[in-house]
Amino acid sequence: MIEPRLSAEIKVQTLLRLVSQKGGFGSVLKKGDRISGAILIQCMEKGANPRLLENMPSLDGAPNWQRIWPQDTENNKELSEYIDQRFRFDPDMWLIELDIPDAERLIALMGQ
């Protein structure tokens, strides 16, 4: 039996509300497909130390958010080029930016 899933748009809205409730800032940088678009999350703390997360498939279907851009870099051009390349292959993706301490923990809580 196929389990019902939340749409990408609902997941994004939930995450942005959760970040706001915790005193952080979140915004949609690029809207993707409302129903099934993949979601990239760019996490920062006070505008610095960007990290990029994506939900990777898991065998049991549980959320599995992993860093796909873990490098600490002051050169945001490299990160922008990587994101642009991803959108060339998947134009239906969402790009979300979160500025909140310990964003990874907060994102993991959303999946529970």
N, C-alpha and C. Protein backbone atom coordinates (compact mmCIF):
# COMPACT_ATOMS: atom_id res chain seq x y z
N MET A 1 0.84 -1.18 0.00
CA MET A 1 0.00 0.00 0.00
C MET A 1 0.88 1.24 0.00
N ILE A 2 0.54 2.19 -0.79
CA ILE A 2 1.30 3.44 -0.87
C ILE A 2 0.83 4.37 0.24
N GLU A 3 1.81 4.86 0.99
CA GLU A 3 1.51 5.78 2.09
C GLU A 3 1.31 7.19 1.53
N PRO A 4 0.32 7.92 2.03
CA PRO A 4 0.16 9.31 1.59
C PRO A 4 1.34 10.15 2.07
N ARG A 5 1.73 11.12 1.24
CA ARG A 5 2.84 12.01 1.60
C ARG A 5 2.39 13.45 1.52
N LEU A 6 3.04 14.27 2.32
CA LEU A 6 2.77 15.70 2.25
C LEU A 6 3.38 16.27 0.98
N SER A 7 2.74 17.28 0.43
CA SER A 7 3.28 17.92 -0.76
C SER A 7 4.53 18.73 -0.39
N ALA A 8 5.34 19.00 -1.38
CA ALA A 8 6.54 19.80 -1.16
C ALA A 8 6.17 21.18 -0.61
N GLU A 9 5.11 21.77 -1.13
CA GLU A 9 4.69 23.10 -0.69
C GLU A 9 4.32 23.10 0.80
N ILE A 10 3.62 22.09 1.27
CA ILE A 10 3.25 21.99 2.69
C ILE A 10 4.49 21.81 3.55
N LYS A 11 5.43 20.98 3.10
CA LYS A 11 6.67 20.79 3.85
C LYS A 11 7.43 22.11 4.00
N VAL A 12 7.50 22.87 2.91
CA VAL A 12 8.21 24.15 2.93
C VAL A 12 7.51 25.12 3.88
N GLN A 13 6.20 25.24 3.78
CA GLN A 13 5.45 26.15 4.66
C GLN A 13 5.62 25.77 6.13
N THR A 14 5.60 24.47 6.41
CA THR A 14 5.77 23.99 7.79
C THR A 14 7.15 24.36 8.31
N LEU A 15 8.16 24.14 7.51
CA LEU A 15 9.53 24.45 7.92
C LEU A 15 9.70 25.95 8.17
N LEU A 16 9.17 26.79 7.29
CA LEU A 16 9.31 28.23 7.46
C LEU A 16 8.60 28.72 8.73
N ARG A 17 7.44 28.15 9.03
CA ARG A 17 6.73 28.52 10.27
C ARG A 17 7.51 28.09 11.49
N LEU A 18 8.07 26.89 11.46
CA LEU A 18 8.85 26.38 12.58
C LEU A 18 10.07 27.25 12.84
N VAL A 19 10.76 27.64 11.79
CA VAL A 19 11.94 28.50 11.92
C VAL A 19 11.54 29.85 12.51
N SER A 20 10.44 30.40 12.04
CA SER A 20 9.96 31.69 12.55
C SER A 20 9.60 31.59 14.03
N GLN A 21 8.95 30.51 14.43
CA GLN A 21 8.59 30.32 15.84
C GLN A 21 9.81 30.22 16.73
N LYS A 22 10.92 29.72 16.19
CA LYS A 22 12.16 29.58 16.97
C LYS A 22 13.02 30.83 16.90
N GLY A 23 12.51 31.90 16.28
CA GLY A 23 13.24 33.17 16.23
C GLY A 23 14.21 33.31 15.08
N GLY A 24 14.15 32.42 14.11
CA GLY A 24 15.04 32.50 12.96
C GLY A 24 14.36 33.15 11.77
N PHE A 25 15.07 33.15 10.67
CA PHE A 25 14.55 33.72 9.43
C PHE A 25 14.60 32.66 8.35
N GLY A 26 13.53 32.56 7.59
CA GLY A 26 13.49 31.62 6.47
C GLY A 26 12.79 32.24 5.29
N SER A 27 13.25 31.90 4.10
CA SER A 27 12.58 32.41 2.91
C SER A 27 12.72 31.41 1.76
N VAL A 28 11.80 31.52 0.82
CA VAL A 28 11.83 30.72 -0.38
C VAL A 28 12.61 31.51 -1.43
N LEU A 29 13.74 30.97 -1.87
CA LEU A 29 14.53 31.64 -2.90
C LEU A 29 14.08 31.23 -4.30
N LYS A 30 13.55 30.00 -4.42
CA LYS A 30 13.02 29.55 -5.70
C LYS A 30 11.92 28.54 -5.43
N LYS A 31 10.75 28.81 -6.00
CA LYS A 31 9.64 27.86 -5.87
C LYS A 31 9.80 26.75 -6.89
N GLY A 32 9.50 25.55 -6.44
CA GLY A 32 9.55 24.40 -7.31
C GLY A 32 8.16 23.84 -7.55
N ASP A 33 8.10 22.59 -7.94
CA ASP A 33 6.83 21.93 -8.16
C ASP A 33 6.08 21.82 -6.83
N ARG A 34 4.81 22.23 -6.82
CA ARG A 34 4.02 22.29 -5.59
C ARG A 34 3.82 20.92 -4.96
N ILE A 35 3.74 19.89 -5.76
CA ILE A 35 3.41 18.57 -5.24
C ILE A 35 4.65 17.73 -4.91
N SER A 36 5.53 17.58 -5.88
CA SER A 36 6.61 16.61 -5.69
C SER A 36 8.01 17.16 -5.92
N GLY A 37 8.17 18.46 -5.88
CA GLY A 37 9.50 19.02 -6.10
C GLY A 37 10.46 18.67 -4.97
N ALA A 38 11.70 18.40 -5.34
CA ALA A 38 12.75 18.18 -4.34
C ALA A 38 13.00 19.50 -3.61
N ILE A 39 13.53 19.42 -2.40
CA ILE A 39 13.76 20.63 -1.60
C ILE A 39 15.23 20.68 -1.21
N LEU A 40 15.89 21.77 -1.60
CA LEU A 40 17.24 22.07 -1.13
C LEU A 40 17.11 23.13 -0.05
N ILE A 41 17.83 22.95 1.03
CA ILE A 41 17.78 23.92 2.13
C ILE A 41 19.18 24.47 2.35
N GLN A 42 19.31 25.77 2.20
CA GLN A 42 20.58 26.44 2.47
C GLN A 42 20.51 26.98 3.89
N CYS A 43 21.35 26.44 4.76
CA CYS A 43 21.35 26.83 6.18
C CYS A 43 22.52 27.77 6.45
N MET A 44 22.26 28.79 7.26
CA MET A 44 23.29 29.74 7.66
C MET A 44 23.10 30.10 9.13
N GLU A 45 24.12 30.70 9.70
CA GLU A 45 24.01 31.29 11.03
C GLU A 45 24.55 32.70 10.93
N LYS A 46 23.66 33.66 11.14
CA LYS A 46 24.00 35.08 11.04
C LYS A 46 24.61 35.42 9.69
N GLY A 47 24.07 34.80 8.64
CA GLY A 47 24.50 35.09 7.28
C GLY A 47 25.82 34.47 6.87
N ALA A 48 26.39 33.62 7.71
CA ALA A 48 27.70 33.03 7.40
C ALA A 48 27.63 31.51 7.46
N ASN A 49 28.70 30.87 7.02
CA ASN A 49 28.87 29.42 7.08
C ASN A 49 27.73 28.68 6.38
N PRO A 50 27.54 28.88 5.08
CA PRO A 50 26.44 28.21 4.38
C PRO A 50 26.64 26.71 4.27
N ARG A 51 25.56 25.98 4.51
CA ARG A 51 25.51 24.54 4.32
C ARG A 51 24.28 24.23 3.51
N LEU A 52 24.36 23.21 2.69
CA LEU A 52 23.25 22.85 1.83
C LEU A 52 22.80 21.44 2.19
N LEU A 53 21.49 21.28 2.42
CA LEU A 53 20.93 19.99 2.79
C LEU A 53 19.89 19.55 1.77
N GLU A 54 19.79 18.24 1.63
CA GLU A 54 18.78 17.68 0.74
C GLU A 54 18.26 16.39 1.37
N ASN A 55 16.98 16.10 1.16
CA ASN A 55 16.37 14.89 1.67
C ASN A 55 16.71 13.74 0.73
N MET A 56 17.52 12.80 1.21
CA MET A 56 17.93 11.66 0.41
C MET A 56 16.98 10.49 0.66
N PRO A 57 16.75 9.66 -0.34
CA PRO A 57 15.87 8.50 -0.15
C PRO A 57 16.44 7.54 0.90
N SER A 58 15.54 6.93 1.67
CA SER A 58 15.95 5.90 2.62
C SER A 58 15.09 4.67 2.39
N LEU A 59 15.57 3.53 2.84
CA LEU A 59 14.85 2.28 2.60
C LEU A 59 13.50 2.23 3.29
N ASP A 60 13.40 2.84 4.48
CA ASP A 60 12.14 2.79 5.22
C ASP A 60 11.23 3.98 4.94
N GLY A 61 11.66 4.90 4.08
CA GLY A 61 10.83 6.05 3.72
C GLY A 61 10.90 7.20 4.70
N ALA A 62 11.64 7.04 5.79
CA ALA A 62 11.77 8.11 6.78
C ALA A 62 12.63 9.24 6.21
N PRO A 63 12.38 10.48 6.65
CA PRO A 63 13.20 11.60 6.17
C PRO A 63 14.68 11.37 6.49
N ASN A 64 15.53 11.69 5.57
CA ASN A 64 16.95 11.46 5.70
C ASN A 64 17.69 12.68 5.16
N TRP A 65 17.69 13.77 5.92
CA TRP A 65 18.33 15.01 5.47
C TRP A 65 19.83 14.88 5.62
N GLN A 66 20.55 15.14 4.54
CA GLN A 66 22.00 15.05 4.55
C GLN A 66 22.62 16.30 3.98
N ARG A 67 23.79 16.62 4.50
CA ARG A 67 24.55 17.74 3.94
C ARG A 67 25.12 17.33 2.59
N ILE A 68 24.86 18.15 1.59
CA ILE A 68 25.46 17.90 0.28
C ILE A 68 26.47 18.98 -0.06
N TRP A 69 26.53 20.01 0.75
CA TRP A 69 27.55 21.05 0.61
C TRP A 69 28.07 21.38 2.01
N PRO A 70 28.94 20.52 2.54
CA PRO A 70 29.40 20.74 3.91
C PRO A 70 30.60 21.65 4.03
N GLN A 71 31.19 22.02 2.91
CA GLN A 71 32.42 22.80 2.97
C GLN A 71 32.17 24.17 3.58
N ASP A 72 33.04 24.56 4.49
CA ASP A 72 33.02 25.93 4.97
C ASP A 72 33.72 26.76 3.91
N THR A 73 33.05 27.76 3.42
CA THR A 73 33.65 28.57 2.37
C THR A 73 33.22 30.01 2.51
N GLU A 74 34.11 30.88 2.24
CA GLU A 74 33.78 32.31 2.19
C GLU A 74 33.42 32.71 0.76
N ASN A 75 33.69 31.80 -0.18
CA ASN A 75 33.41 32.07 -1.58
C ASN A 75 32.02 31.54 -1.93
N ASN A 76 31.02 32.37 -1.79
CA ASN A 76 29.65 31.95 -2.07
C ASN A 76 29.42 31.72 -3.56
N LYS A 77 30.36 32.16 -4.40
CA LYS A 77 30.23 31.95 -5.83
C LYS A 77 30.25 30.46 -6.16
N GLU A 78 31.09 29.68 -5.48
CA GLU A 78 31.16 28.24 -5.70
C GLU A 78 29.82 27.59 -5.37
N LEU A 79 29.23 27.98 -4.26
CA LEU A 79 27.94 27.43 -3.85
C LEU A 79 26.86 27.82 -4.85
N SER A 80 26.85 29.06 -5.29
CA SER A 80 25.87 29.52 -6.28
C SER A 80 25.99 28.75 -7.58
N GLU A 81 27.21 28.50 -8.01
CA GLU A 81 27.42 27.73 -9.24
C GLU A 81 26.90 26.31 -9.08
N TYR A 82 27.14 25.71 -7.91
CA TYR A 82 26.65 24.36 -7.66
C TYR A 82 25.12 24.33 -7.70
N ILE A 83 24.48 25.30 -7.05
CA ILE A 83 23.01 25.36 -7.03
C ILE A 83 22.47 25.58 -8.44
N ASP A 84 23.08 26.47 -9.20
CA ASP A 84 22.66 26.69 -10.59
C ASP A 84 22.74 25.41 -11.40
N GLN A 85 23.81 24.65 -11.20
CA GLN A 85 23.98 23.40 -11.92
C GLN A 85 22.86 22.41 -11.55
N ARG A 86 22.53 22.34 -10.27
CA ARG A 86 21.45 21.45 -9.83
C ARG A 86 20.12 21.83 -10.48
N PHE A 87 19.84 23.14 -10.60
CA PHE A 87 18.58 23.58 -11.18
C PHE A 87 18.53 23.34 -12.69
N ARG A 88 19.68 23.28 -13.35
CA ARG A 88 19.68 22.93 -14.78
C ARG A 88 19.20 21.50 -14.97
N PHE A 89 19.52 20.61 -14.01
CA PHE A 89 19.10 19.21 -14.11
C PHE A 89 17.71 18.97 -13.53
N ASP A 90 17.28 19.80 -12.59
CA ASP A 90 15.97 19.61 -11.95
C ASP A 90 15.32 20.98 -11.72
N PRO A 91 14.66 21.53 -12.73
CA PRO A 91 14.06 22.86 -12.59
C PRO A 91 12.84 22.90 -11.66
N ASP A 92 12.35 21.72 -11.23
CA ASP A 92 11.19 21.68 -10.33
C ASP A 92 11.57 21.71 -8.85
N MET A 93 12.85 21.88 -8.54
CA MET A 93 13.32 21.91 -7.16
C MET A 93 12.96 23.21 -6.46
N TRP A 94 12.83 23.12 -5.16
CA TRP A 94 12.67 24.29 -4.29
C TRP A 94 14.04 24.64 -3.71
N LEU A 95 14.28 25.93 -3.48
CA LEU A 95 15.47 26.37 -2.76
C LEU A 95 15.01 27.24 -1.60
N ILE A 96 15.31 26.80 -0.40
CA ILE A 96 14.90 27.48 0.82
C ILE A 96 16.16 27.95 1.54
N GLU A 97 16.11 29.14 2.11
CA GLU A 97 17.22 29.63 2.92
C GLU A 97 16.75 29.80 4.35
N LEU A 98 17.51 29.25 5.29
CA LEU A 98 17.22 29.38 6.71
C LEU A 98 18.40 30.02 7.40
N ASP A 99 18.14 30.99 8.23
CA ASP A 99 19.19 31.61 9.04
C ASP A 99 18.78 31.45 10.50
N ILE A 100 19.31 30.39 11.11
CA ILE A 100 18.97 30.05 12.48
C ILE A 100 20.06 29.13 13.02
N PRO A 101 20.42 29.28 14.29
CA PRO A 101 21.41 28.35 14.85
C PRO A 101 20.87 26.92 14.86
N ASP A 102 21.75 25.98 14.60
CA ASP A 102 21.44 24.54 14.66
C ASP A 102 20.27 24.17 13.75
N ALA A 103 20.31 24.66 12.54
CA ALA A 103 19.23 24.41 11.58
C ALA A 103 19.05 22.92 11.29
N GLU A 104 20.13 22.18 11.26
CA GLU A 104 20.03 20.75 10.96
C GLU A 104 19.15 20.03 11.98
N ARG A 105 19.31 20.37 13.26
CA ARG A 105 18.49 19.74 14.30
C ARG A 105 17.03 20.09 14.12
N LEU A 106 16.76 21.34 13.79
CA LEU A 106 15.39 21.80 13.58
C LEU A 106 14.75 21.08 12.38
N ILE A 107 15.51 20.91 11.33
CA ILE A 107 15.00 20.22 10.13
C ILE A 107 14.71 18.75 10.47
N ALA A 108 15.57 18.13 11.27
CA ALA A 108 15.34 16.75 11.67
C ALA A 108 14.07 16.61 12.49
N LEU A 109 13.77 17.59 13.33
CA LEU A 109 12.55 17.56 14.14
C LEU A 109 11.32 17.63 13.27
N MET A 110 11.41 18.34 12.17
CA MET A 110 10.27 18.49 11.28
C MET A 110 9.86 17.13 10.70
N GLY A 111 10.80 16.25 10.49
CA GLY A 111 10.52 14.96 9.89
C GLY A 111 9.90 13.96 10.84
N GLN A 112 9.86 14.24 12.13
CA GLN A 112 9.34 13.28 13.10
C GLN A 112 7.85 13.33 13.19
